[in-house]
Amino acid sequence: MLAYPHLLAPLNLGFTTLKNRVLMGSMHTGLEELPDGPQRLAAFYAERAAGGVGLIVTGGIAPNKKGVVYQGASVLNDATQVPHHQIVTDAVHLAGGKIALQILHAGRYSYQKQPVAPSALQAPINPFAPQELSHDEVLQTIADFANCARLAKQAGYDGVEVMGSEGYLINQFLTARTNHRNDEWGGDFTRRMRFAVEIVRAVREATGPDFYPNLPPFDAGFSGGRLQLG
């Protein structure tokens, strides 16, 4: 451990303190959609918290039904879903850990009929072609991210991770290859970046300063080894 002397030291985030700098990255467990999913997830994550992980990040949860990775996947968009998530957060906290919810909108990767995307460009890994989001639909999607974060806070999560990479919706807006818009949500890099910026702004406004919003490093789009900024 001498090579990483701070790894097991507490980390003060201002509004809360992690017991160490060990993070369990997001992964889908296959438990999220089961009838007894909350109880099984609670046991799964609590075991990791008891084992010493400072911060756990859940598998991706969609902010609306258009954002699911596949038909019937987990969504957090209604207050009636909060008690199910509280089962998980209570178990993790009782085991001495912290937990953040990952908010993931799959965009054109959503495996369902008529997915949505910045532009109507079909993904090579999906047999379903997407519909281009209208301006009003873009604004509603931003609001849905904020609503999901607000509900996550109500459910006892210590923060949220907004999924901005791996080719999902936010990444699709950022990348010139998948964003062919010529309005305020596309064109040059500043306008392509606006969707991500507005989501983070809306999440912060919805949750306040005593909450952890994280947008992990994203892929702005690469072509021939060069970053596409314009």
Protein backbone atom coordinates (compact mmCIF):
# COMPACT_ATOMS: atom_id res chain seq x y z
CA MET A 1 0.00 0.00 0.00
CA LEU A 2 3.02 2.32 0.18
CA ALA A 3 2.54 3.15 -3.51
CA TYR A 4 -0.96 4.42 -2.71
CA PRO A 5 -0.68 5.92 0.78
CA HIS A 6 -4.02 7.75 0.57
CA LEU A 7 -6.15 4.92 -0.86
CA LEU A 8 -7.61 3.88 2.48
CA ALA A 9 -7.67 7.36 3.99
CA PRO A 10 -11.03 9.13 4.46
CA LEU A 11 -12.11 11.56 1.74
CA ASN A 12 -14.02 14.68 2.78
CA LEU A 13 -16.51 15.74 0.07
CA GLY A 14 -17.77 18.68 2.10
CA PHE A 15 -21.31 17.47 2.75
CA THR A 16 -20.21 13.91 3.59
CA THR A 17 -17.05 11.90 4.13
CA LEU A 18 -16.14 8.63 2.45
CA LYS A 19 -14.34 6.18 4.70
CA ASN A 20 -11.76 5.59 1.94
CA ARG A 21 -11.10 6.24 -1.77
CA VAL A 22 -12.15 2.75 -2.94
CA LEU A 23 -14.99 2.94 -5.46
CA MET A 24 -17.07 0.08 -6.83
CA GLY A 25 -17.84 1.01 -10.42
CA SER A 26 -21.24 0.72 -12.02
CA MET A 27 -22.35 -2.64 -13.38
CA HIS A 28 -25.68 -4.26 -14.11
CA THR A 29 -26.26 -7.25 -11.87
CA GLY A 30 -29.34 -8.76 -13.52
CA LEU A 31 -31.21 -8.23 -10.24
CA GLU A 32 -32.66 -4.80 -10.94
CA GLU A 33 -35.84 -5.97 -12.68
CA LEU A 34 -36.62 -9.07 -10.59
CA PRO A 35 -39.70 -9.12 -8.31
CA ASP A 36 -37.43 -9.39 -5.26
CA GLY A 37 -34.76 -7.22 -6.87
CA PRO A 38 -34.57 -4.54 -4.15
CA GLN A 39 -33.98 -7.11 -1.42
CA ARG A 40 -31.37 -9.00 -3.44
CA LEU A 41 -29.61 -5.80 -4.50
CA ALA A 42 -29.60 -4.65 -0.89
CA ALA A 43 -27.86 -7.86 0.17
CA PHE A 44 -25.40 -7.68 -2.74
CA TYR A 45 -24.35 -4.07 -2.20
CA ALA A 46 -24.37 -4.29 1.60
CA GLU A 47 -21.85 -7.13 1.42
CA ARG A 48 -19.54 -4.92 -0.66
CA ALA A 49 -19.97 -2.02 1.76
CA ALA A 50 -19.20 -4.29 4.71
CA GLY A 51 -16.12 -5.49 2.86
CA GLY A 52 -14.71 -1.98 2.87
CA VAL A 53 -15.79 -0.22 -0.34
CA GLY A 54 -16.08 3.50 0.35
CA LEU A 55 -18.48 4.39 -2.47
CA ILE A 56 -20.69 2.08 -4.55
CA VAL A 57 -22.19 3.14 -7.90
CA THR A 58 -25.28 1.23 -9.00
CA GLY A 59 -26.01 -0.16 -12.43
CA GLY A 60 -27.50 2.35 -14.85
CA ILE A 61 -31.10 3.40 -14.15
CA ALA A 62 -32.99 5.29 -16.86
CA PRO A 63 -34.58 8.70 -16.20
CA ASN A 64 -37.52 7.87 -18.48
CA LYS A 65 -38.90 4.94 -20.46
CA LYS A 66 -37.23 6.04 -23.70
CA GLY A 67 -33.85 5.84 -21.99
CA VAL A 68 -33.88 2.18 -20.95
CA VAL A 69 -31.13 -0.08 -22.28
CA TYR A 70 -33.80 -2.62 -23.22
CA GLN A 71 -37.58 -2.91 -22.97
CA GLY A 72 -38.62 -3.33 -19.34
CA ALA A 73 -35.32 -2.23 -17.81
CA SER A 74 -35.28 -0.16 -14.63
CA VAL A 75 -36.51 3.43 -14.57
CA LEU A 76 -36.64 5.93 -11.71
CA ASN A 77 -39.19 8.57 -12.68
CA ASP A 78 -41.96 8.36 -10.09
CA ALA A 79 -42.17 8.79 -6.31
CA THR A 80 -43.85 5.39 -5.97
CA GLN A 81 -40.51 3.79 -6.89
CA VAL A 82 -38.60 5.51 -4.08
CA PRO A 83 -39.36 2.94 -1.32
CA HIS A 84 -37.84 0.14 -3.42
CA HIS A 85 -34.58 2.09 -3.68
CA GLN A 86 -34.65 2.92 0.04
CA ILE A 87 -34.33 -0.79 0.78
CA VAL A 88 -30.98 -0.71 -1.02
CA THR A 89 -29.64 2.55 0.40
CA ASP A 90 -30.64 1.67 3.97
CA ALA A 91 -28.77 -1.63 3.74
CA VAL A 92 -25.61 0.00 2.37
CA HIS A 93 -25.63 2.73 5.01
CA LEU A 94 -26.20 0.18 7.78
CA ALA A 95 -23.10 -1.66 6.52
CA GLY A 96 -21.07 1.55 6.73
CA GLY A 97 -20.90 2.47 3.04
CA LYS A 98 -22.10 5.18 0.68
CA ILE A 99 -23.95 4.62 -2.57
CA ALA A 100 -24.64 6.69 -5.70
CA LEU A 101 -27.24 6.01 -8.39
CA GLN A 102 -26.04 5.97 -11.98
CA ILE A 103 -28.49 7.74 -14.32
CA LEU A 104 -28.19 6.28 -17.81
CA HIS A 105 -30.14 7.23 -20.93
CA ALA A 106 -29.26 4.80 -23.71
CA GLY A 107 -30.37 7.02 -26.59
CA ARG A 108 -30.02 5.21 -29.91
CA TYR A 109 -28.61 2.17 -28.10
CA SER A 110 -31.98 1.54 -26.43
CA TYR A 111 -33.10 -1.88 -27.59
CA GLN A 112 -36.76 -1.05 -28.22
CA LYS A 113 -38.86 0.19 -31.11
CA GLN A 114 -38.43 3.90 -31.88
CA PRO A 115 -35.57 4.84 -29.57
CA VAL A 116 -34.56 8.50 -29.51
CA ALA A 117 -31.29 10.25 -30.33
CA PRO A 118 -29.85 13.67 -31.24
CA SER A 119 -30.15 12.68 -34.91
CA ALA A 120 -32.00 9.90 -36.72
CA LEU A 121 -28.85 7.82 -37.25
CA GLN A 122 -29.16 4.11 -36.60
CA ALA A 123 -26.56 2.47 -34.38
CA PRO A 124 -24.76 -0.48 -36.01
CA ILE A 125 -25.43 -2.56 -32.88
CA ASN A 126 -29.18 -1.91 -32.81
CA PRO A 127 -31.79 -3.14 -35.32
CA PHE A 128 -34.10 -0.27 -34.35
CA ALA A 129 -33.67 3.15 -35.97
CA PRO A 130 -34.01 6.17 -33.66
CA GLN A 131 -36.21 9.22 -33.95
CA GLU A 132 -34.56 12.63 -33.65
CA LEU A 133 -35.46 14.45 -30.45
CA SER A 134 -37.31 17.72 -30.98
CA HIS A 135 -36.20 20.84 -29.10
CA ASP A 136 -39.03 20.40 -26.59
CA GLU A 137 -38.16 16.73 -26.16
CA VAL A 138 -34.55 17.65 -25.44
CA LEU A 139 -35.72 20.01 -22.71
CA GLN A 140 -38.03 17.35 -21.28
CA THR A 141 -35.18 14.83 -21.23
CA ILE A 142 -33.03 17.28 -19.27
CA ALA A 143 -35.92 17.71 -16.83
CA ASP A 144 -36.22 13.93 -16.56
CA PHE A 145 -32.55 13.64 -15.55
CA ALA A 146 -33.14 16.25 -12.85
CA ASN A 147 -36.29 14.51 -11.64
CA CYS A 148 -34.46 11.19 -11.45
CA ALA A 149 -31.69 12.79 -9.38
CA ARG A 150 -34.25 14.40 -7.05
CA LEU A 151 -35.96 11.05 -6.50
CA ALA A 152 -32.58 9.40 -5.92
CA LYS A 153 -31.86 11.88 -3.15
CA GLN A 154 -35.28 11.17 -1.62
CA ALA A 155 -34.46 7.46 -1.73
CA GLY A 156 -31.34 8.02 0.37
CA TYR A 157 -28.62 7.85 -2.27
CA ASP A 158 -25.54 9.89 -1.40
CA GLY A 159 -25.19 11.13 -4.97
CA VAL A 160 -25.72 10.37 -8.63
CA GLU A 161 -23.40 9.54 -11.48
CA VAL A 162 -24.64 10.88 -14.82
CA MET A 163 -23.51 8.45 -17.52
CA GLY A 164 -21.82 10.57 -20.17
CA SER A 165 -19.67 8.05 -22.02
CA GLU A 166 -19.75 4.65 -23.75
CA GLY A 167 -21.81 5.92 -26.67
CA TYR A 168 -25.04 6.56 -24.74
CA LEU A 169 -27.30 9.59 -25.18
CA ILE A 170 -25.08 12.31 -23.69
CA ASN A 171 -22.12 10.97 -25.66
CA GLN A 172 -24.30 10.92 -28.77
CA PHE A 173 -24.92 14.65 -28.37
CA LEU A 174 -21.23 15.37 -27.79
CA THR A 175 -19.94 13.50 -30.81
CA ALA A 176 -20.09 15.00 -34.31
CA ARG A 177 -20.41 11.51 -35.78
CA THR A 178 -23.78 10.97 -34.09
CA ASN A 179 -24.99 14.58 -33.75
CA HIS A 180 -25.85 16.11 -37.13
CA ARG A 181 -28.10 18.84 -35.71
CA ASN A 182 -27.76 22.47 -36.75
CA ASP A 183 -29.73 24.04 -33.90
CA GLU A 184 -28.62 25.06 -30.39
CA TRP A 185 -28.01 21.38 -29.53
CA GLY A 186 -25.61 20.62 -32.37
CA GLY A 187 -23.03 22.03 -34.74
CA ASP A 188 -19.80 23.19 -33.12
CA PHE A 189 -18.45 21.55 -29.97
CA THR A 190 -19.85 24.23 -27.66
CA ARG A 191 -23.39 23.57 -28.87
CA ARG A 192 -22.95 19.80 -28.86
CA MET A 193 -21.74 20.08 -25.26
CA ARG A 194 -24.77 22.11 -24.18
CA PHE A 195 -26.96 19.05 -23.48
CA ALA A 196 -24.45 17.66 -20.96
CA VAL A 197 -23.93 21.06 -19.33
CA GLU A 198 -27.67 21.68 -18.95
CA ILE A 199 -28.19 18.24 -17.43
CA VAL A 200 -25.53 18.84 -14.78
CA ARG A 201 -26.96 22.29 -14.09
CA ALA A 202 -30.50 20.90 -13.74
CA VAL A 203 -29.36 18.05 -11.50
CA ARG A 204 -27.54 20.47 -9.21
CA GLU A 205 -30.59 22.74 -9.00
CA ALA A 206 -32.85 19.77 -8.23
CA THR A 207 -30.67 18.28 -5.49
CA GLY A 208 -28.87 21.19 -3.82
CA PRO A 209 -25.27 21.50 -2.58
CA ASP A 210 -25.39 18.60 -0.09
CA PHE A 211 -25.42 15.95 -2.81
CA TYR A 212 -22.82 14.38 -5.07
CA PRO A 213 -23.43 14.87 -8.82
CA ASN A 214 -20.74 13.35 -11.01
CA LEU A 215 -20.36 13.36 -14.80
CA PRO A 216 -17.48 10.95 -15.41
CA PRO A 217 -15.00 11.48 -18.25
CA PHE A 218 -16.71 11.24 -21.61
CA ASP A 219 -15.68 10.49 -25.16
CA ALA A 220 -16.04 13.59 -27.32
CA GLY A 221 -15.60 11.51 -30.44
CA PHE A 222 -12.53 10.20 -32.18
CA SER A 223 -11.79 9.82 -35.86
CA GLY A 224 -8.49 8.38 -37.02
CA GLY A 225 -7.00 8.95 -33.57
CA ARG A 226 -7.91 12.65 -33.49
CA LEU A 227 -10.43 14.24 -31.18
CA GLN A 228 -13.29 15.82 -33.14
CA LEU A 229 -13.99 19.23 -31.61
CA GLY A 230 -15.75 20.82 -34.54
